[in-house]
Amino acid sequence: MGSTPDQLRQETEETRAHLSDSVDRLADRLSPPRVARRRASAVRARAATARDRVMGTARAADPAGLAHSQTRGSPLAAGAIAFGAGLLTGALFPPTGAETRVGQRVRDHADDIVAPVRETAREASREAGAQLREPAREAAASVKDTAQEAARTTSRRARTSE
């Protein structure tokens, strides 16, 4: 006998709701701020994992025992701990005249040093935006095509059941 008009209306409403939900989820997923947040979170998680792998987590009350257990088989971690200890020791003493002069020179030329890094970071962000633009357009076009096809299918079903 076929579908009744009420059943067709119900199917149409369900299809519309499903398409609307799909479009909303896709827009949410492709939102540049959300993409950036997800990538930043992933980078932070990888950095934390790498830091824990190299430095370990504080599990022992004995710092020497902790350092020994965490650096066993990891010369990079041992070097980082030694560097940190040296840095801490050096910070306890006042700077010498030579250190003060070198520090001033570094501060004077910091912009020359930082400018290329800043430009590289800007270029990387431009490239990321350019790379995301086309997939977002393709996804939006795909959703649009799917919605149009669903509307045509629903319309055909409604016509054939009358």
N, C-alpha and C. Protein backbone atom coordinates (compact mmCIF):
# COMPACT_ATOMS: atom_id res chain seq x y z
N MET A 1 0.82 -1.18 0.00
CA MET A 1 0.00 0.00 0.00
C MET A 1 0.86 1.25 0.00
N GLY A 2 2.06 1.26 0.63
CA GLY A 2 2.91 2.44 0.63
C GLY A 2 2.82 3.18 1.95
N SER A 3 3.57 4.21 2.03
CA SER A 3 3.63 5.01 3.26
C SER A 3 2.50 6.02 3.29
N THR A 4 2.04 6.29 4.48
CA THR A 4 0.99 7.30 4.65
C THR A 4 1.65 8.68 4.69
N PRO A 5 0.86 9.71 4.41
CA PRO A 5 1.43 11.07 4.47
C PRO A 5 2.05 11.39 5.84
N ASP A 6 1.42 10.90 6.91
CA ASP A 6 1.98 11.16 8.24
C ASP A 6 3.34 10.49 8.42
N GLN A 7 3.45 9.25 7.90
CA GLN A 7 4.73 8.55 7.99
C GLN A 7 5.80 9.27 7.17
N LEU A 8 5.43 9.76 6.00
CA LEU A 8 6.37 10.51 5.17
C LEU A 8 6.81 11.79 5.85
N ARG A 9 5.87 12.48 6.48
CA ARG A 9 6.22 13.70 7.20
C ARG A 9 7.20 13.38 8.34
N GLN A 10 6.91 12.30 9.05
CA GLN A 10 7.79 11.90 10.15
C GLN A 10 9.19 11.57 9.63
N GLU A 11 9.27 10.80 8.52
CA GLU A 11 10.56 10.46 7.93
C GLU A 11 11.29 11.72 7.47
N THR A 12 10.55 12.64 6.88
CA THR A 12 11.14 13.89 6.42
C THR A 12 11.72 14.68 7.59
N GLU A 13 10.96 14.78 8.67
CA GLU A 13 11.44 15.50 9.86
C GLU A 13 12.67 14.81 10.46
N GLU A 14 12.67 13.49 10.51
CA GLU A 14 13.83 12.76 11.03
C GLU A 14 15.06 12.99 10.15
N THR A 15 14.84 12.95 8.82
CA THR A 15 15.95 13.19 7.89
C THR A 15 16.49 14.60 8.06
N ARG A 16 15.60 15.58 8.16
CA ARG A 16 16.03 16.97 8.37
C ARG A 16 16.80 17.12 9.67
N ALA A 17 16.30 16.52 10.72
CA ALA A 17 16.98 16.61 12.02
C ALA A 17 18.36 15.96 11.94
N HIS A 18 18.42 14.80 11.29
CA HIS A 18 19.71 14.10 11.14
C HIS A 18 20.69 14.95 10.33
N LEU A 19 20.22 15.52 9.22
CA LEU A 19 21.09 16.36 8.39
C LEU A 19 21.54 17.61 9.15
N SER A 20 20.62 18.20 9.88
CA SER A 20 20.95 19.40 10.66
C SER A 20 22.01 19.07 11.70
N ASP A 21 21.85 17.94 12.37
CA ASP A 21 22.83 17.51 13.37
C ASP A 21 24.18 17.24 12.71
N SER A 22 24.17 16.59 11.55
CA SER A 22 25.42 16.30 10.84
C SER A 22 26.12 17.58 10.42
N VAL A 23 25.38 18.53 9.91
CA VAL A 23 25.96 19.81 9.49
C VAL A 23 26.53 20.54 10.70
N ASP A 24 25.81 20.55 11.81
CA ASP A 24 26.30 21.22 13.03
C ASP A 24 27.59 20.57 13.52
N ARG A 25 27.62 19.23 13.55
CA ARG A 25 28.83 18.55 14.00
C ARG A 25 30.01 18.81 13.07
N LEU A 26 29.74 18.83 11.77
CA LEU A 26 30.81 19.09 10.80
C LEU A 26 31.32 20.52 10.95
N ALA A 27 30.42 21.47 11.08
CA ALA A 27 30.84 22.87 11.26
C ALA A 27 31.64 23.02 12.54
N ASP A 28 31.21 22.34 13.60
CA ASP A 28 31.93 22.39 14.87
C ASP A 28 33.32 21.77 14.72
N ARG A 29 33.40 20.68 14.01
CA ARG A 29 34.68 19.98 13.83
C ARG A 29 35.65 20.77 12.98
N LEU A 30 35.14 21.51 11.99
CA LEU A 30 36.00 22.25 11.07
C LEU A 30 36.19 23.71 11.46
N SER A 31 35.65 24.10 12.58
CA SER A 31 35.83 25.48 13.05
C SER A 31 37.31 25.73 13.32
N PRO A 32 37.93 26.72 12.65
CA PRO A 32 39.37 26.97 12.83
C PRO A 32 39.79 27.13 14.28
N PRO A 33 39.06 27.86 15.13
CA PRO A 33 39.51 27.94 16.53
C PRO A 33 39.51 26.58 17.22
N ARG A 34 38.51 25.76 16.93
CA ARG A 34 38.45 24.44 17.56
C ARG A 34 39.55 23.53 17.04
N VAL A 35 39.84 23.62 15.73
CA VAL A 35 40.93 22.83 15.15
C VAL A 35 42.24 23.23 15.81
N ALA A 36 42.45 24.54 15.95
CA ALA A 36 43.68 25.03 16.59
C ALA A 36 43.77 24.55 18.03
N ARG A 37 42.64 24.61 18.77
CA ARG A 37 42.64 24.15 20.17
C ARG A 37 42.96 22.67 20.26
N ARG A 38 42.37 21.87 19.36
CA ARG A 38 42.64 20.43 19.39
C ARG A 38 44.11 20.15 19.10
N ARG A 39 44.66 20.85 18.11
CA ARG A 39 46.07 20.64 17.79
C ARG A 39 46.97 21.09 18.93
N ALA A 40 46.64 22.23 19.55
CA ALA A 40 47.45 22.71 20.68
C ALA A 40 47.38 21.71 21.84
N SER A 41 46.20 21.18 22.10
CA SER A 41 46.06 20.18 23.17
C SER A 41 46.89 18.94 22.87
N ALA A 42 46.88 18.53 21.61
CA ALA A 42 47.65 17.34 21.23
C ALA A 42 49.14 17.61 21.40
N VAL A 43 49.58 18.80 21.02
CA VAL A 43 51.00 19.13 21.18
C VAL A 43 51.37 19.16 22.65
N ARG A 44 50.50 19.79 23.49
CA ARG A 44 50.78 19.82 24.93
C ARG A 44 50.84 18.42 25.51
N ALA A 45 49.94 17.56 25.08
CA ALA A 45 49.93 16.18 25.60
C ALA A 45 51.21 15.45 25.20
N ARG A 46 51.63 15.62 23.93
CA ARG A 46 52.87 14.97 23.49
C ARG A 46 54.07 15.52 24.24
N ALA A 47 54.08 16.83 24.48
CA ALA A 47 55.20 17.44 25.22
C ALA A 47 55.23 16.92 26.65
N ALA A 48 54.07 16.81 27.27
CA ALA A 48 54.03 16.30 28.65
C ALA A 48 54.48 14.85 28.70
N THR A 49 54.07 14.07 27.72
CA THR A 49 54.50 12.67 27.66
C THR A 49 56.01 12.57 27.47
N ALA A 50 56.53 13.39 26.56
CA ALA A 50 57.98 13.38 26.33
C ALA A 50 58.73 13.84 27.58
N ARG A 51 58.21 14.89 28.23
CA ARG A 51 58.86 15.39 29.45
C ARG A 51 58.85 14.30 30.52
N ASP A 52 57.72 13.64 30.71
CA ASP A 52 57.65 12.57 31.71
C ASP A 52 58.58 11.42 31.35
N ARG A 53 58.70 11.14 30.06
CA ARG A 53 59.57 10.05 29.64
C ARG A 53 61.03 10.40 29.91
N VAL A 54 61.40 11.66 29.67
CA VAL A 54 62.78 12.07 29.87
C VAL A 54 63.07 12.33 31.33
N MET A 55 62.22 13.13 31.97
CA MET A 55 62.48 13.55 33.34
C MET A 55 61.83 12.64 34.37
N GLY A 56 60.83 11.92 33.98
CA GLY A 56 60.13 11.05 34.92
C GLY A 56 59.15 11.85 35.76
N THR A 57 58.42 11.16 36.58
CA THR A 57 57.50 11.83 37.49
C THR A 57 58.01 11.65 38.90
N ALA A 58 57.68 12.57 39.78
CA ALA A 58 58.18 12.53 41.16
C ALA A 58 57.45 11.45 41.93
N ARG A 59 58.14 10.33 42.14
CA ARG A 59 57.52 9.23 42.88
C ARG A 59 58.28 8.91 44.16
N ALA A 60 59.52 9.33 44.22
CA ALA A 60 60.34 8.98 45.38
C ALA A 60 60.56 10.21 46.24
N ALA A 61 60.68 10.01 47.53
CA ALA A 61 60.94 11.12 48.45
C ALA A 61 62.41 11.52 48.40
N ASP A 62 63.29 10.59 48.02
CA ASP A 62 64.72 10.84 47.97
C ASP A 62 65.10 11.39 46.58
N PRO A 63 65.46 12.68 46.50
CA PRO A 63 65.78 13.26 45.19
C PRO A 63 66.95 12.57 44.50
N ALA A 64 67.96 12.16 45.24
CA ALA A 64 69.10 11.48 44.61
C ALA A 64 68.67 10.13 44.07
N GLY A 65 67.87 9.41 44.83
CA GLY A 65 67.38 8.12 44.36
C GLY A 65 66.47 8.29 43.15
N LEU A 66 65.65 9.34 43.17
CA LEU A 66 64.78 9.62 42.05
C LEU A 66 65.60 9.95 40.81
N ALA A 67 66.61 10.80 40.96
CA ALA A 67 67.45 11.16 39.83
C ALA A 67 68.15 9.93 39.27
N HIS A 68 68.66 9.08 40.15
CA HIS A 68 69.35 7.88 39.69
C HIS A 68 68.39 6.95 38.95
N SER A 69 67.20 6.73 39.52
CA SER A 69 66.27 5.80 38.88
C SER A 69 65.71 6.36 37.58
N GLN A 70 65.51 7.67 37.50
CA GLN A 70 64.95 8.26 36.30
C GLN A 70 65.96 8.40 35.17
N THR A 71 67.23 8.48 35.51
CA THR A 71 68.24 8.68 34.46
C THR A 71 68.92 7.39 34.05
N ARG A 72 68.60 6.30 34.66
CA ARG A 72 69.23 5.03 34.30
C ARG A 72 68.91 4.73 32.84
N GLY A 73 69.97 4.64 32.05
CA GLY A 73 69.80 4.34 30.63
C GLY A 73 69.39 5.54 29.81
N SER A 74 69.37 6.74 30.38
CA SER A 74 68.95 7.92 29.65
C SER A 74 69.97 9.04 29.85
N PRO A 75 71.00 9.08 29.04
CA PRO A 75 72.02 10.12 29.21
C PRO A 75 71.47 11.52 28.98
N LEU A 76 70.47 11.66 28.15
CA LEU A 76 69.87 12.97 27.92
C LEU A 76 69.25 13.51 29.20
N ALA A 77 68.54 12.66 29.92
CA ALA A 77 67.94 13.09 31.17
C ALA A 77 69.02 13.44 32.19
N ALA A 78 70.07 12.65 32.27
CA ALA A 78 71.16 12.94 33.20
C ALA A 78 71.80 14.28 32.87
N GLY A 79 72.01 14.54 31.59
CA GLY A 79 72.58 15.82 31.18
C GLY A 79 71.67 16.99 31.50
N ALA A 80 70.36 16.81 31.29
CA ALA A 80 69.41 17.87 31.60
C ALA A 80 69.38 18.16 33.10
N ILE A 81 69.46 17.13 33.91
CA ILE A 81 69.47 17.33 35.37
C ILE A 81 70.75 18.04 35.79
N ALA A 82 71.88 17.65 35.22
CA ALA A 82 73.15 18.30 35.55
C ALA A 82 73.13 19.77 35.10
N PHE A 83 72.58 20.03 33.94
CA PHE A 83 72.47 21.40 33.45
C PHE A 83 71.61 22.24 34.39
N GLY A 84 70.48 21.68 34.80
CA GLY A 84 69.59 22.39 35.72
C GLY A 84 70.26 22.68 37.05
N ALA A 85 71.00 21.71 37.56
CA ALA A 85 71.71 21.92 38.83
C ALA A 85 72.76 23.02 38.67
N GLY A 86 73.47 23.03 37.55
CA GLY A 86 74.45 24.08 37.30
C GLY A 86 73.81 25.44 37.15
N LEU A 87 72.68 25.47 36.48
CA LEU A 87 71.95 26.73 36.31
C LEU A 87 71.48 27.26 37.65
N LEU A 88 70.97 26.40 38.50
CA LEU A 88 70.52 26.81 39.82
C LEU A 88 71.69 27.32 40.66
N THR A 89 72.80 26.63 40.61
CA THR A 89 73.98 27.06 41.34
C THR A 89 74.47 28.42 40.83
N GLY A 90 74.50 28.59 39.52
CA GLY A 90 74.93 29.86 38.94
C GLY A 90 74.01 31.01 39.30
N ALA A 91 72.73 30.72 39.47
CA ALA A 91 71.78 31.77 39.80
C ALA A 91 71.94 32.25 41.24
N LEU A 92 72.58 31.47 42.07
CA LEU A 92 72.76 31.86 43.47
C LEU A 92 73.84 32.93 43.64
N PHE A 93 74.75 33.07 42.66
CA PHE A 93 75.85 34.02 42.76
C PHE A 93 75.54 35.25 41.91
N PRO A 94 76.01 36.44 42.33
CA PRO A 94 75.76 37.64 41.51
C PRO A 94 76.53 37.56 40.20
N PRO A 95 76.01 38.21 39.15
CA PRO A 95 76.70 38.15 37.85
C PRO A 95 78.00 38.95 37.89
N THR A 96 78.96 38.50 37.09
CA THR A 96 80.23 39.22 36.98
C THR A 96 80.06 40.35 35.96
N GLY A 97 81.06 41.21 35.86
CA GLY A 97 81.01 42.31 34.90
C GLY A 97 80.91 41.81 33.47
N ALA A 98 81.67 40.76 33.16
CA ALA A 98 81.65 40.20 31.80
C ALA A 98 80.27 39.62 31.48
N GLU A 99 79.65 38.94 32.43
CA GLU A 99 78.31 38.39 32.22
C GLU A 99 77.30 39.50 31.99
N THR A 100 77.43 40.58 32.74
CA THR A 100 76.52 41.71 32.58
C THR A 100 76.66 42.32 31.19
N ARG A 101 77.90 42.50 30.70
CA ARG A 101 78.11 43.07 29.37
C ARG A 101 77.55 42.16 28.28
N VAL A 102 77.81 40.87 28.39
CA VAL A 102 77.30 39.93 27.39
C VAL A 102 75.77 39.91 27.42
N GLY A 103 75.21 39.93 28.59
CA GLY A 103 73.75 39.94 28.72
C GLY A 103 73.14 41.17 28.08
N GLN A 104 73.79 42.33 28.24
CA GLN A 104 73.30 43.55 27.62
C GLN A 104 73.37 43.47 26.10
N ARG A 105 74.47 42.90 25.58
CA ARG A 105 74.60 42.74 24.13
C ARG A 105 73.51 41.81 23.58
N VAL A 106 73.22 40.76 24.30
CA VAL A 106 72.17 39.83 23.86
C VAL A 106 70.82 40.54 23.85
N ARG A 107 70.55 41.31 24.89
CA ARG A 107 69.28 42.06 24.93
C ARG A 107 69.19 43.06 23.79
N ASP A 108 70.32 43.70 23.45
CA ASP A 108 70.33 44.68 22.36
C ASP A 108 70.04 44.03 21.01
N HIS A 109 70.48 42.79 20.83
CA HIS A 109 70.32 42.12 19.54
C HIS A 109 69.21 41.08 19.55
N ALA A 110 68.38 41.08 20.57
CA ALA A 110 67.33 40.06 20.68
C ALA A 110 66.34 40.16 19.52
N ASP A 111 65.99 41.38 19.10
CA ASP A 111 65.05 41.51 17.99
C ASP A 111 65.61 40.91 16.72
N ASP A 112 66.90 41.07 16.48
CA ASP A 112 67.52 40.48 15.30
C ASP A 112 67.44 38.96 15.34
N ILE A 113 67.52 38.41 16.53
CA ILE A 113 67.50 36.96 16.70
C ILE A 113 66.07 36.43 16.61
N VAL A 114 65.13 37.15 17.21
CA VAL A 114 63.75 36.68 17.31
C VAL A 114 62.96 36.92 16.02
N ALA A 115 63.31 37.94 15.25
CA ALA A 115 62.54 38.28 14.04
C ALA A 115 62.39 37.11 13.07
N PRO A 116 63.47 36.38 12.74
CA PRO A 116 63.28 35.25 11.81
C PRO A 116 62.37 34.16 12.39
N VAL A 117 62.48 33.93 13.66
CA VAL A 117 61.63 32.91 14.30
C VAL A 117 60.16 33.36 14.25
N ARG A 118 59.94 34.63 14.53
CA ARG A 118 58.58 35.18 14.51
C ARG A 118 58.00 35.05 13.11
N GLU A 119 58.78 35.39 12.09
CA GLU A 119 58.31 35.30 10.70
C GLU A 119 58.03 33.85 10.31
N THR A 120 58.86 32.94 10.76
CA THR A 120 58.64 31.51 10.48
C THR A 120 57.33 31.04 11.11
N ALA A 121 57.07 31.48 12.33
CA ALA A 121 55.82 31.10 13.01
C ALA A 121 54.62 31.67 12.27
N ARG A 122 54.72 32.91 11.81
CA ARG A 122 53.61 33.51 11.05
C ARG A 122 53.36 32.74 9.77
N GLU A 123 54.43 32.40 9.07
CA GLU A 123 54.30 31.66 7.82
C GLU A 123 53.67 30.29 8.07
N ALA A 124 54.07 29.64 9.15
CA ALA A 124 53.49 28.32 9.47
C ALA A 124 52.00 28.44 9.74
N SER A 125 51.58 29.52 10.42
CA SER A 125 50.14 29.69 10.70
C SER A 125 49.39 29.98 9.41
N ARG A 126 50.00 30.76 8.50
CA ARG A 126 49.35 31.02 7.20
C ARG A 126 49.18 29.72 6.42
N GLU A 127 50.23 28.90 6.42
CA GLU A 127 50.16 27.63 5.69
C GLU A 127 49.09 26.71 6.28
N ALA A 128 49.01 26.69 7.61
CA ALA A 128 48.00 25.83 8.25
C ALA A 128 46.60 26.31 7.85
N GLY A 129 46.39 27.62 7.84
CA GLY A 129 45.10 28.15 7.41
C GLY A 129 44.78 27.80 5.98
N ALA A 130 45.79 27.91 5.11
CA ALA A 130 45.58 27.58 3.70
C ALA A 130 45.29 26.09 3.52
N GLN A 131 45.95 25.26 4.31
CA GLN A 131 45.73 23.81 4.20
C GLN A 131 44.35 23.42 4.71
N LEU A 132 43.83 24.13 5.68
CA LEU A 132 42.51 23.79 6.24
C LEU A 132 41.37 24.36 5.40
N ARG A 133 41.64 25.41 4.64
CA ARG A 133 40.58 26.07 3.88
C ARG A 133 39.94 25.13 2.87
N GLU A 134 40.73 24.45 2.07
CA GLU A 134 40.18 23.59 1.03
C GLU A 134 39.44 22.37 1.60
N PRO A 135 39.98 21.65 2.60
CA PRO A 135 39.20 20.55 3.18
C PRO A 135 37.87 21.02 3.77
N ALA A 136 37.86 22.21 4.35
CA ALA A 136 36.61 22.73 4.91
C ALA A 136 35.60 22.99 3.79
N ARG A 137 36.06 23.56 2.69
CA ARG A 137 35.16 23.80 1.55
C ARG A 137 34.62 22.48 1.00
N GLU A 138 35.52 21.50 0.86
CA GLU A 138 35.09 20.20 0.34
C GLU A 138 34.07 19.55 1.26
N ALA A 139 34.31 19.63 2.56
CA ALA A 139 33.37 19.04 3.52
C ALA A 139 32.02 19.74 3.45
N ALA A 140 32.04 21.06 3.37
CA ALA A 140 30.79 21.81 3.28
C ALA A 140 30.04 21.46 1.99
N ALA A 141 30.77 21.33 0.89
CA ALA A 141 30.14 20.95 -0.37
C ALA A 141 29.55 19.54 -0.28
N SER A 142 30.27 18.65 0.38
CA SER A 142 29.78 17.28 0.55
C SER A 142 28.49 17.25 1.37
N VAL A 143 28.47 18.03 2.45
CA VAL A 143 27.26 18.09 3.28
C VAL A 143 26.11 18.68 2.48
N LYS A 144 26.39 19.71 1.70
CA LYS A 144 25.35 20.35 0.88
C LYS A 144 24.80 19.34 -0.12
N ASP A 145 25.70 18.60 -0.80
CA ASP A 145 25.26 17.60 -1.77
C ASP A 145 24.42 16.51 -1.11
N THR A 146 24.84 16.07 0.05
CA THR A 146 24.10 15.04 0.79
C THR A 146 22.72 15.55 1.17
N ALA A 147 22.65 16.79 1.64
CA ALA A 147 21.37 17.37 2.03
C ALA A 147 20.45 17.50 0.82
N GLN A 148 20.99 17.93 -0.31
CA GLN A 148 20.17 18.07 -1.51
C GLN A 148 19.68 16.70 -1.99
N GLU A 149 20.54 15.71 -1.95
CA GLU A 149 20.14 14.37 -2.37
C GLU A 149 19.06 13.81 -1.43
N ALA A 150 19.21 14.04 -0.13
CA ALA A 150 18.19 13.58 0.82
C ALA A 150 16.86 14.28 0.56
N ALA A 151 16.91 15.56 0.26
CA ALA A 151 15.67 16.29 -0.04
C ALA A 151 15.02 15.74 -1.31
N ARG A 152 15.81 15.46 -2.34
CA ARG A 152 15.26 14.89 -3.57
C ARG A 152 14.65 13.51 -3.32
N THR A 153 15.35 12.69 -2.54
CA THR A 153 14.85 11.35 -2.24
C THR A 153 13.54 11.43 -1.46
N THR A 154 13.49 12.32 -0.49
CA THR A 154 12.27 12.48 0.30
C THR A 154 11.13 12.97 -0.58
N SER A 155 11.44 13.88 -1.46
CA SER A 155 10.42 14.42 -2.37
C SER A 155 9.91 13.31 -3.30
N ARG A 156 10.80 12.48 -3.82
CA ARG A 156 10.39 11.38 -4.69
C ARG A 156 9.50 10.40 -3.94
N ARG A 157 9.88 10.08 -2.71
CA ARG A 157 9.07 9.16 -1.89
C ARG A 157 7.67 9.72 -1.66
N ALA A 158 7.62 11.02 -1.39
CA ALA A 158 6.32 11.65 -1.13
C ALA A 158 5.46 11.61 -2.37
N ARG A 159 6.06 11.82 -3.53
CA ARG A 159 5.27 11.82 -4.78
C ARG A 159 4.79 10.42 -5.13
N THR A 160 5.63 9.41 -4.90
CA THR A 160 5.24 8.05 -5.29
C THR A 160 4.20 7.47 -4.34
N SER A 161 4.10 7.97 -3.13
CA SER A 161 3.12 7.41 -2.18
C SER A 161 1.76 8.06 -2.32
N GLU A 162 1.67 9.15 -3.06
CA GLU A 162 0.37 9.84 -3.18
C GLU A 162 -0.56 9.13 -4.09
